């Protein structure tokens, strides 16, 4: 790695979709330095893989469609490892991280104090995000954009204000099942 590359300021963009986590690293001139994608159904990469499509449809309630939070966490770990293994840049040069796709999976923390466990992440290099955060979530299975298990609640909200149109006029949106 050249001195120029070891001191450059880099930015990481993350895109969390239904089936994968993608990452792209760019420099200050917006040039792509590295890219990686981690499929949620790749059992060669993820211990917590989900097959065949990266999500789970509940066998008792087909409206309930989720992805385990550990899939997201492990995908982040694997993505960083793959970026590191490319040896194209020093991960410590990443000065900004951006994420998109938050609608795809709703993650529920137990309390904000659970985030304290991340402070020790650098000190515990042998631990994964799954290891560090395994008890930090109130729900292990994250509803994703295809989930419609809260249809009854959405209808109750609309009924409480008269109808869907009234809710739209009040809030700018009707009641969608996958909104958090």
Protein backbone atom coordinates (compact mmCIF):
# COMPACT_ATOMS: atom_id res chain seq x y z
CA UNK A 1 0.00 0.00 0.00
CA UNK A 2 1.47 3.35 -1.00
CA UNK A 3 1.85 6.26 1.45
CA UNK A 4 -0.72 8.19 -0.58
CA UNK A 5 -3.28 5.42 -0.10
CA UNK A 6 -2.43 4.95 3.57
CA UNK A 7 -3.27 8.59 4.38
CA UNK A 8 -6.24 9.28 2.11
CA UNK A 9 -9.67 10.09 3.54
CA UNK A 10 -12.24 7.51 2.49
CA UNK A 11 -16.00 7.13 2.75
CA UNK A 12 -18.03 3.93 3.02
CA UNK A 13 -21.55 3.64 1.65
CA UNK A 14 -23.71 0.73 2.81
CA UNK A 15 -26.91 -0.45 1.14
CA UNK A 16 -29.00 -2.94 3.09
CA UNK A 17 -31.53 -4.67 0.85
CA UNK A 18 -33.76 -7.68 1.32
CA UNK A 19 -31.20 -10.15 0.02
CA UNK A 20 -27.79 -8.57 0.65
CA UNK A 21 -25.56 -5.90 2.13
CA UNK A 22 -23.48 -3.94 -0.38
CA UNK A 23 -20.58 -1.68 0.45
CA UNK A 24 -18.65 0.78 -1.67
CA UNK A 25 -15.60 2.76 -0.60
CA UNK A 26 -14.85 6.05 -2.37
CA UNK A 27 -12.20 8.72 -2.00
CA UNK A 28 -12.58 12.50 -1.85
CA UNK A 29 -12.59 12.69 -5.66
CA UNK A 30 -15.55 10.24 -5.69
CA UNK A 31 -13.41 7.51 -7.25
CA UNK A 32 -14.37 3.96 -6.32
CA UNK A 33 -11.64 2.32 -4.23
CA UNK A 34 -13.39 -0.96 -3.39
CA UNK A 35 -16.77 -2.70 -3.56
CA UNK A 36 -18.20 -5.81 -1.90
CA UNK A 37 -21.60 -7.48 -1.59
CA UNK A 38 -22.65 -10.06 0.98
CA UNK A 39 -25.66 -12.22 0.08
CA UNK A 40 -27.88 -13.16 3.03
CA UNK A 41 -28.33 -16.69 1.69
CA UNK A 42 -24.62 -17.46 1.19
CA UNK A 43 -23.89 -20.24 3.65
CA UNK A 44 -20.20 -20.18 2.67
CA UNK A 45 -19.94 -16.63 4.09
CA UNK A 46 -22.58 -16.44 6.81
CA UNK A 47 -23.22 -18.75 9.74
CA UNK A 48 -26.58 -17.01 10.13
CA UNK A 49 -27.56 -17.29 6.48
CA UNK A 50 -31.19 -17.40 5.38
CA UNK A 51 -32.12 -19.57 2.42
CA UNK A 52 -33.37 -19.48 -0.24
CA UNK A 53 -34.20 -15.75 -0.54
CA UNK A 54 -32.58 -14.00 2.41
CA UNK A 55 -35.81 -13.80 4.44
CA UNK A 56 -38.14 -16.08 6.41
CA UNK A 57 -41.90 -16.42 5.92
CA UNK A 58 -43.54 -17.56 9.16
CA UNK A 59 -45.16 -20.95 8.59
CA UNK A 60 -48.10 -20.10 10.87
CA UNK A 61 -48.67 -16.52 9.72
CA UNK A 62 -47.69 -15.90 6.10
CA UNK A 63 -48.03 -12.14 6.68
CA UNK A 64 -45.02 -12.24 9.03
CA UNK A 65 -41.83 -11.96 6.92
CA UNK A 66 -38.55 -11.40 8.74
CA UNK A 67 -34.77 -11.61 8.64
CA UNK A 68 -32.84 -12.44 11.82
CA UNK A 69 -30.86 -9.46 13.12
CA UNK A 70 -27.78 -11.69 13.30
CA UNK A 71 -27.80 -11.92 9.49
CA UNK A 72 -27.41 -8.13 9.28
CA UNK A 73 -24.68 -8.06 11.95
CA UNK A 74 -22.70 -10.94 10.49
CA UNK A 75 -22.96 -9.45 7.00
CA UNK A 76 -21.38 -6.24 8.32
CA UNK A 77 -18.52 -8.22 9.88
CA UNK A 78 -17.95 -10.21 6.68
CA UNK A 79 -18.12 -7.08 4.54
CA UNK A 80 -15.42 -5.37 6.61
CA UNK A 81 -13.27 -8.51 6.55
CA UNK A 82 -13.56 -8.76 2.76
CA UNK A 83 -12.71 -5.07 2.35
CA UNK A 84 -9.70 -5.55 4.64
CA UNK A 85 -8.56 -8.63 2.70
CA UNK A 86 -8.51 -6.67 -0.56
CA UNK A 87 -5.54 -4.69 0.84
CA UNK A 88 -6.46 -1.72 -1.36
CA UNK A 89 -6.69 0.71 1.57
CA UNK A 90 -6.45 0.98 5.35
CA UNK A 91 -9.87 0.64 7.03
CA UNK A 92 -8.82 3.28 9.56
CA UNK A 93 -8.88 5.83 6.71
CA UNK A 94 -12.68 5.59 6.53
CA UNK A 95 -13.81 8.91 8.01
CA UNK A 96 -17.51 8.67 7.15
CA UNK A 97 -20.11 5.95 6.79
CA UNK A 98 -23.49 6.36 5.11
CA UNK A 99 -26.31 3.85 5.05
CA UNK A 100 -29.48 3.41 3.05
CA UNK A 101 -32.22 0.84 2.81
CA UNK A 102 -33.40 1.23 6.39
CA UNK A 103 -36.98 0.44 5.34
CA UNK A 104 -35.89 -3.08 4.56
CA UNK A 105 -35.42 -4.31 8.10
CA UNK A 106 -36.67 -2.84 11.37
CA UNK A 107 -34.18 -3.52 14.17
CA UNK A 108 -35.39 -3.16 17.76
CA UNK A 109 -32.80 -2.31 20.44
CA UNK A 110 -33.65 -3.19 24.05
CA UNK A 111 -32.39 0.12 25.44
CA UNK A 112 -29.96 2.79 24.39
CA UNK A 113 -27.52 1.53 27.04
CA UNK A 114 -27.06 -1.62 24.94
CA UNK A 115 -25.02 0.53 22.57
CA UNK A 116 -22.41 0.86 25.32
CA UNK A 117 -21.16 -2.62 24.40
CA UNK A 118 -19.90 -1.20 21.09
CA UNK A 119 -17.38 0.97 22.94
CA UNK A 120 -15.31 -2.15 23.60
CA UNK A 121 -15.42 -3.34 20.01
CA UNK A 122 -11.84 -2.30 19.17
CA UNK A 123 -10.49 -3.82 22.37
CA UNK A 124 -12.13 -7.18 21.70
CA UNK A 125 -10.91 -7.81 18.17
CA UNK A 126 -11.68 -11.52 18.32
CA UNK A 127 -15.36 -10.87 18.90
CA UNK A 128 -17.86 -10.36 16.12
CA UNK A 129 -20.78 -7.94 16.14
CA UNK A 130 -23.02 -10.95 16.79
CA UNK A 131 -20.94 -11.83 19.89
CA UNK A 132 -20.87 -8.27 21.19
CA UNK A 133 -24.52 -7.40 20.52
CA UNK A 134 -26.28 -10.75 20.90
CA UNK A 135 -28.34 -9.67 23.92
CA UNK A 136 -28.96 -6.11 22.71
CA UNK A 137 -32.19 -6.62 20.79
CA UNK A 138 -35.77 -6.94 21.98
CA UNK A 139 -36.62 -8.92 18.83
CA UNK A 140 -34.24 -11.30 17.08
CA UNK A 141 -36.38 -11.51 13.94
CA UNK A 142 -36.62 -8.16 12.13
CA UNK A 143 -39.75 -7.43 10.10
CA UNK A 144 -38.77 -6.49 6.56
CA UNK A 145 -40.57 -4.48 3.87
CA UNK A 146 -42.70 -7.47 2.80
CA UNK A 147 -44.12 -7.97 6.30
CA UNK A 148 -47.82 -7.21 6.71
CA UNK A 149 -48.35 -8.65 10.19
CA UNK A 150 -49.56 -5.29 11.56
CA UNK A 151 -52.48 -4.90 9.14
CA UNK A 152 -55.01 -4.97 12.01
CA UNK A 153 -53.15 -2.19 13.86
CA UNK A 154 -52.97 -0.07 10.69
CA UNK A 155 -56.72 -0.42 10.22
CA UNK A 156 -57.28 0.57 13.87
CA UNK A 157 -55.16 3.71 13.41
CA UNK A 158 -57.08 4.69 10.27
CA UNK A 159 -60.42 4.00 11.97
CA UNK A 160 -59.40 6.13 14.98
CA UNK A 161 -59.20 9.20 12.71
CA UNK A 162 -62.12 8.25 10.49
CA UNK A 163 -60.43 6.63 7.49
CA UNK A 164 -57.20 6.32 5.49
CA UNK A 165 -57.77 9.66 3.72
CA UNK A 166 -58.13 11.49 7.03
CA UNK A 167 -54.91 9.90 8.29
CA UNK A 168 -53.18 11.01 5.11
CA UNK A 169 -54.41 14.58 5.56
CA UNK A 170 -53.20 14.62 9.18
CA UNK A 171 -49.82 12.91 8.76
CA UNK A 172 -49.01 12.97 5.04
CA UNK A 173 -49.20 9.18 4.86
CA UNK A 174 -51.65 6.36 5.19
CA UNK A 175 -50.89 3.56 7.68
CA UNK A 176 -48.38 1.17 6.12
CA UNK A 177 -47.59 -2.10 7.84
CA UNK A 178 -43.84 -1.86 7.52
CA UNK A 179 -43.39 1.69 8.82
CA UNK A 180 -41.62 1.85 12.17
